[in-house]
Amino acid sequence: MYRRETSDGEVYEFVPATHTLTGFETVNGAQAGPDSDVLVAADRLEDSEGRAYGRGDSANPDRAEAYAYLDIQDTDANPVAGRAKLVVLNSANRVLATIAQFELSRARRGDPSTGVRGDWGVPFKYRSLRNGRGEVIGDDYQIGLTVRTESGTATVSLDNSTMTIEGYQGEKLS
């Protein structure tokens, strides 16, 4: 557990959490293709909410590696080949920062519901987004998921897809 104070003097307390697709909603018809990274889903943060991605068991746990598992599937429950990015968006869906990028074939390794930590997904380092901090705080921001397919188009289905990413969940105290 740790705390962060915003420039407005608001204090947020962060505790270890596992982030999933709960709260994400499809964007742009969730239609991804091979030509560019396409925003397919977004999750708007509440005013009292904060998130950080990355953690681990090394000497500095809140800046160590986390594990991420992404199994992005289409509407027919077929795995989507390509890459995905977890990004920070403003309220107009403009990408402000990239949290992590994943090759989907590697990120769907193992099963987080039955496997031991480290036997599933891929590791990624804590991402410092600004001023050495990686927290995304408040309702001006969203967490987005972009997808670029290897070839052809795919309509991403959040119902068929799974995401498990280690990090922190924050709550405003004052």
C-alpha atoms as a PDB file:
ATOM      1  CA  MET A   1       0.000   0.000   0.000  1.00  0.00           C
ATOM      2  CA  TYR A   2       1.181   3.512  -0.755  1.00  0.00           C
ATOM      3  CA  ARG A   3      -0.255   7.024  -1.147  1.00  0.00           C
ATOM      4  CA  ARG A   4       0.035   9.723  -3.797  1.00  0.00           C
ATOM      5  CA  GLU A   5      -0.973  13.364  -3.570  1.00  0.00           C
ATOM      6  CA  THR A   6      -2.131  15.178  -6.702  1.00  0.00           C
ATOM      7  CA  SER A   7      -1.182  18.738  -7.572  1.00  0.00           C
ATOM      8  CA  ASP A   8      -4.667  19.714  -6.302  1.00  0.00           C
ATOM      9  CA  GLY A   9      -3.885  18.302  -2.849  1.00  0.00           C
ATOM     10  CA  GLU A  10      -6.099  15.224  -3.221  1.00  0.00           C
ATOM     11  CA  VAL A  11      -4.688  12.094  -1.589  1.00  0.00           C
ATOM     12  CA  TYR A  12      -5.144   8.642  -3.136  1.00  0.00           C
ATOM     13  CA  GLU A  13      -4.320   5.369  -1.435  1.00  0.00           C
ATOM     14  CA  PHE A  14      -3.174   2.506  -3.682  1.00  0.00           C
ATOM     15  CA  VAL A  15      -3.403  -1.183  -2.835  1.00  0.00           C
ATOM     16  CA  PRO A  16      -2.318  -4.227  -4.886  1.00  0.00           C
ATOM     17  CA  ALA A  17      -4.965  -5.256  -7.413  1.00  0.00           C
ATOM     18  CA  THR A  18      -5.481  -7.343 -10.502  1.00  0.00           C
ATOM     19  CA  HIS A  19      -6.966  -5.470 -13.455  1.00  0.00           C
ATOM     20  CA  THR A  20      -9.407  -7.195 -15.827  1.00  0.00           C
ATOM     21  CA  LEU A  21     -11.734  -6.177 -18.661  1.00  0.00           C
ATOM     22  CA  THR A  22     -14.545  -5.449 -16.171  1.00  0.00           C
ATOM     23  CA  GLY A  23     -15.668  -1.886 -16.815  1.00  0.00           C
ATOM     24  CA  PHE A  24     -14.340  -1.745 -20.383  1.00  0.00           C
ATOM     25  CA  GLU A  25     -16.768  -0.903 -23.159  1.00  0.00           C
ATOM     26  CA  THR A  26     -16.252  -1.330 -26.886  1.00  0.00           C
ATOM     27  CA  VAL A  27     -15.239   1.666 -28.991  1.00  0.00           C
ATOM     28  CA  ASN A  28     -15.322   2.143 -32.784  1.00  0.00           C
ATOM     29  CA  GLY A  29     -17.313  -1.056 -33.213  1.00  0.00           C
ATOM     30  CA  ALA A  30     -14.234  -2.922 -31.876  1.00  0.00           C
ATOM     31  CA  GLN A  31     -13.102  -3.383 -35.488  1.00  0.00           C
ATOM     32  CA  ALA A  32      -9.301  -3.886 -35.662  1.00  0.00           C
ATOM     33  CA  GLY A  33      -7.124  -4.199 -38.745  1.00  0.00           C
ATOM     34  CA  PRO A  34      -3.475  -4.548 -39.807  1.00  0.00           C
ATOM     35  CA  ASP A  35      -2.768  -0.966 -40.843  1.00  0.00           C
ATOM     36  CA  SER A  36      -2.737   0.825 -37.477  1.00  0.00           C
ATOM     37  CA  ASP A  37      -3.413   0.488 -33.772  1.00  0.00           C
ATOM     38  CA  VAL A  38      -7.176   0.823 -33.355  1.00  0.00           C
ATOM     39  CA  LEU A  39      -8.876   1.695 -30.081  1.00  0.00           C
ATOM     40  CA  VAL A  40     -11.308  -1.182 -29.490  1.00  0.00           C
ATOM     41  CA  ALA A  41     -12.233  -0.694 -25.811  1.00  0.00           C
ATOM     42  CA  ALA A  42     -12.002   1.889 -23.035  1.00  0.00           C
ATOM     43  CA  ASP A  43     -12.696   2.110 -19.320  1.00  0.00           C
ATOM     44  CA  ARG A  44     -13.374   5.597 -17.896  1.00  0.00           C
ATOM     45  CA  LEU A  45     -12.026   6.195 -14.418  1.00  0.00           C
ATOM     46  CA  GLU A  46     -14.284   7.686 -11.770  1.00  0.00           C
ATOM     47  CA  ASP A  47     -13.239  10.902 -10.016  1.00  0.00           C
ATOM     48  CA  SER A  48     -12.338   8.967  -6.874  1.00  0.00           C
ATOM     49  CA  GLU A  49     -10.425   6.209  -8.712  1.00  0.00           C
ATOM     50  CA  GLY A  50      -6.795   5.670  -9.635  1.00  0.00           C
ATOM     51  CA  ARG A  51      -4.859   2.862 -11.308  1.00  0.00           C
ATOM     52  CA  ALA A  52      -1.238   1.859 -11.727  1.00  0.00           C
ATOM     53  CA  TYR A  53       0.143  -1.030 -13.722  1.00  0.00           C
ATOM     54  CA  GLY A  54       3.157  -3.016 -12.572  1.00  0.00           C
ATOM     55  CA  ARG A  55       4.333  -4.697  -9.410  1.00  0.00           C
ATOM     56  CA  GLY A  56       6.418  -7.653  -8.349  1.00  0.00           C
ATOM     57  CA  ASP A  57       8.466  -9.314  -5.657  1.00  0.00           C
ATOM     58  CA  SER A  58      11.880  -7.708  -6.161  1.00  0.00           C
ATOM     59  CA  ALA A  59      13.716  -5.234  -3.931  1.00  0.00           C
ATOM     60  CA  ASN A  60      11.368  -2.413  -4.914  1.00  0.00           C
ATOM     61  CA  PRO A  61       7.924  -4.058  -5.252  1.00  0.00           C
ATOM     62  CA  ASP A  62       5.957  -1.037  -6.437  1.00  0.00           C
ATOM     63  CA  ARG A  63       8.394  -0.534  -9.335  1.00  0.00           C
ATOM     64  CA  ALA A  64       9.147  -4.187 -10.164  1.00  0.00           C
ATOM     65  CA  GLU A  65       7.789  -6.367 -12.904  1.00  0.00           C
ATOM     66  CA  ALA A  66       4.169  -7.308 -13.186  1.00  0.00           C
ATOM     67  CA  TYR A  67       2.607 -10.078 -15.212  1.00  0.00           C
ATOM     68  CA  ALA A  68       0.023  -9.536 -17.883  1.00  0.00           C
ATOM     69  CA  TYR A  69      -2.217 -12.052 -19.609  1.00  0.00           C
ATOM     70  CA  LEU A  70      -4.265 -11.019 -22.646  1.00  0.00           C
ATOM     71  CA  ASP A  71      -6.391 -13.400 -24.651  1.00  0.00           C
ATOM     72  CA  ILE A  72      -8.075 -11.146 -27.208  1.00  0.00           C
ATOM     73  CA  GLN A  73     -10.709 -12.973 -29.243  1.00  0.00           C
ATOM     74  CA  ASP A  74     -13.119 -12.071 -32.010  1.00  0.00           C
ATOM     75  CA  THR A  75     -16.906 -12.437 -32.034  1.00  0.00           C
ATOM     76  CA  ASP A  76     -16.565 -16.081 -33.151  1.00  0.00           C
ATOM     77  CA  ALA A  77     -14.303 -16.839 -30.135  1.00  0.00           C
ATOM     78  CA  ASN A  78     -11.178 -17.132 -32.314  1.00  0.00           C
ATOM     79  CA  PRO A  79      -7.896 -15.767 -30.931  1.00  0.00           C
ATOM     80  CA  VAL A  80      -6.835 -12.526 -32.622  1.00  0.00           C
ATOM     81  CA  ALA A  81      -3.261 -12.571 -33.948  1.00  0.00           C
ATOM     82  CA  GLY A  82      -1.293  -9.342 -33.702  1.00  0.00           C
ATOM     83  CA  ARG A  83      -0.470  -6.951 -30.906  1.00  0.00           C
ATOM     84  CA  ALA A  84      -2.325  -4.988 -28.259  1.00  0.00           C
ATOM     85  CA  LYS A  85      -1.473  -1.864 -26.298  1.00  0.00           C
ATOM     86  CA  LEU A  86      -2.784  -0.704 -22.959  1.00  0.00           C
ATOM     87  CA  VAL A  87      -2.915   3.103 -23.154  1.00  0.00           C
ATOM     88  CA  VAL A  88      -3.974   6.190 -21.222  1.00  0.00           C
ATOM     89  CA  LEU A  89      -6.672   8.219 -22.989  1.00  0.00           C
ATOM     90  CA  ASN A  90      -8.107  11.645 -22.381  1.00  0.00           C
ATOM     91  CA  SER A  91     -11.885  12.165 -22.383  1.00  0.00           C
ATOM     92  CA  ALA A  92     -11.827  12.622 -26.203  1.00  0.00           C
ATOM     93  CA  ASN A  93     -10.216   9.165 -26.685  1.00  0.00           C
ATOM     94  CA  ARG A  94      -6.842  10.652 -27.641  1.00  0.00           C
ATOM     95  CA  VAL A  95      -3.864   8.501 -26.619  1.00  0.00           C
ATOM     96  CA  LEU A  96      -1.722  10.337 -24.048  1.00  0.00           C
ATOM     97  CA  ALA A  97       0.682   7.547 -23.070  1.00  0.00           C
ATOM     98  CA  THR A  98       1.353   3.858 -23.635  1.00  0.00           C
ATOM     99  CA  ILE A  99       1.347   1.738 -20.490  1.00  0.00           C
ATOM    100  CA  ALA A 100       2.411  -1.534 -22.124  1.00  0.00           C
ATOM    101  CA  GLN A 101       2.523  -3.271 -25.505  1.00  0.00           C
ATOM    102  CA  PHE A 102       1.994  -6.998 -25.969  1.00  0.00           C
ATOM    103  CA  GLU A 103       2.417  -9.515 -28.767  1.00  0.00           C
ATOM    104  CA  LEU A 104      -0.854 -11.402 -28.365  1.00  0.00           C
ATOM    105  CA  SER A 105       0.646 -14.821 -29.128  1.00  0.00           C
ATOM    106  CA  ARG A 106       3.010 -14.405 -26.151  1.00  0.00           C
ATOM    107  CA  ALA A 107       0.555 -12.641 -23.831  1.00  0.00           C
ATOM    108  CA  ARG A 108      -1.925 -15.542 -23.907  1.00  0.00           C
ATOM    109  CA  ARG A 109       0.634 -17.996 -22.543  1.00  0.00           C
ATOM    110  CA  GLY A 110      -0.625 -20.129 -19.644  1.00  0.00           C
ATOM    111  CA  ASP A 111      -3.768 -19.639 -17.583  1.00  0.00           C
ATOM    112  CA  PRO A 112      -3.898 -17.139 -14.703  1.00  0.00           C
ATOM    113  CA  SER A 113      -6.901 -18.887 -13.158  1.00  0.00           C
ATOM    114  CA  THR A 114      -4.947 -22.122 -12.626  1.00  0.00           C
ATOM    115  CA  GLY A 115      -1.268 -21.313 -13.124  1.00  0.00           C
ATOM    116  CA  VAL A 116       1.387 -20.093 -10.730  1.00  0.00           C
ATOM    117  CA  ARG A 117       2.414 -16.446 -11.028  1.00  0.00           C
ATOM    118  CA  GLY A 118       5.118 -16.256 -13.690  1.00  0.00           C
ATOM    119  CA  ASP A 119       3.864 -19.366 -15.497  1.00  0.00           C
ATOM    120  CA  TRP A 120       1.234 -17.310 -17.292  1.00  0.00           C
ATOM    121  CA  GLY A 121       1.319 -14.175 -19.408  1.00  0.00           C
ATOM    122  CA  VAL A 122       4.358 -11.989 -19.939  1.00  0.00           C
ATOM    123  CA  PRO A 123       6.335  -9.775 -17.560  1.00  0.00           C
ATOM    124  CA  PHE A 124       6.487  -6.038 -18.047  1.00  0.00           C
ATOM    125  CA  LYS A 125       8.135  -3.296 -16.049  1.00  0.00           C
ATOM    126  CA  TYR A 126       6.303  -0.595 -14.129  1.00  0.00           C
ATOM    127  CA  ARG A 127       5.613   2.236 -16.548  1.00  0.00           C
ATOM    128  CA  SER A 128       6.459   5.728 -15.376  1.00  0.00           C
ATOM    129  CA  LEU A 129       3.947   7.951 -17.161  1.00  0.00           C
ATOM    130  CA  ARG A 130       4.957  11.369 -15.832  1.00  0.00           C
ATOM    131  CA  ASN A 131       7.308  12.769 -13.199  1.00  0.00           C
ATOM    132  CA  GLY A 132       8.459   9.254 -12.302  1.00  0.00           C
ATOM    133  CA  ARG A 133       4.955   8.170 -11.393  1.00  0.00           C
ATOM    134  CA  GLY A 134       2.749   5.648 -13.101  1.00  0.00           C
ATOM    135  CA  GLU A 135      -0.631   6.384 -11.568  1.00  0.00           C
ATOM    136  CA  VAL A 136      -3.606   7.356 -13.705  1.00  0.00           C
ATOM    137  CA  ILE A 137      -5.941   9.358 -11.477  1.00  0.00           C
ATOM    138  CA  GLY A 138      -9.432  10.819 -11.874  1.00  0.00           C
ATOM    139  CA  ASP A 139     -12.314  11.103 -14.268  1.00  0.00           C
ATOM    140  CA  ASP A 140     -10.429  13.089 -16.909  1.00  0.00           C
ATOM    141  CA  TYR A 141      -8.752   9.861 -18.006  1.00  0.00           C
ATOM    142  CA  GLN A 142      -9.559   6.446 -19.410  1.00  0.00           C
ATOM    143  CA  ILE A 143      -7.629   3.231 -19.828  1.00  0.00           C
ATOM    144  CA  GLY A 144      -7.794   2.096 -23.444  1.00  0.00           C
ATOM    145  CA  LEU A 145      -7.058  -1.115 -25.303  1.00  0.00           C
ATOM    146  CA  THR A 146      -5.792  -0.857 -28.875  1.00  0.00           C
ATOM    147  CA  VAL A 147      -5.331  -3.793 -31.246  1.00  0.00           C
ATOM    148  CA  ARG A 148      -3.464  -4.192 -34.533  1.00  0.00           C
ATOM    149  CA  THR A 149      -4.040  -7.502 -36.314  1.00  0.00           C
ATOM    150  CA  GLU A 150      -1.309  -9.387 -38.184  1.00  0.00           C
ATOM    151  CA  SER A 151      -3.509  -9.495 -41.271  1.00  0.00           C
ATOM    152  CA  GLY A 152      -7.155  -9.006 -42.139  1.00  0.00           C
ATOM    153  CA  THR A 153      -9.747  -7.455 -39.888  1.00  0.00           C
ATOM    154  CA  ALA A 154     -11.262  -8.737 -36.661  1.00  0.00           C
ATOM    155  CA  THR A 155     -14.162  -7.583 -34.529  1.00  0.00           C
ATOM    156  CA  VAL A 156     -12.918  -7.870 -30.956  1.00  0.00           C
ATOM    157  CA  SER A 157     -15.392  -9.326 -28.465  1.00  0.00           C
ATOM    158  CA  LEU A 158     -14.929  -8.272 -24.849  1.00  0.00           C
ATOM    159  CA  ASP A 159     -17.244 -11.109 -23.799  1.00  0.00           C
ATOM    160  CA  ASN A 160     -14.916 -13.684 -25.385  1.00  0.00           C
ATOM    161  CA  SER A 161     -11.671 -11.961 -24.345  1.00  0.00           C
ATOM    162  CA  THR A 162      -9.761 -12.111 -21.069  1.00  0.00           C
ATOM    163  CA  MET A 163      -7.263  -9.763 -19.437  1.00  0.00           C
ATOM    164  CA  THR A 164      -5.386 -10.203 -16.160  1.00  0.00           C
ATOM    165  CA  ILE A 165      -2.796  -7.537 -15.335  1.00  0.00           C
ATOM    166  CA  GLU A 166      -1.128  -6.982 -11.976  1.00  0.00           C
ATOM    167  CA  GLY A 167      -0.966  -3.497 -10.587  1.00  0.00           C
ATOM    168  CA  TYR A 168      -2.557  -1.193  -8.052  1.00  0.00           C
ATOM    169  CA  GLN A 169      -6.035   0.222  -7.540  1.00  0.00           C
ATOM    170  CA  GLY A 170      -6.361   3.639  -5.912  1.00  0.00           C
ATOM    171  CA  GLU A 171      -9.115   5.352  -3.984  1.00  0.00           C
ATOM    172  CA  LYS A 172      -9.356   9.039  -3.095  1.00  0.00           C
ATOM    173  CA  LEU A 173      -9.086   9.693   0.641  1.00  0.00           C
ATOM    174  CA  SER A 174      -9.471  13.455   0.600  1.00  0.00           C
END
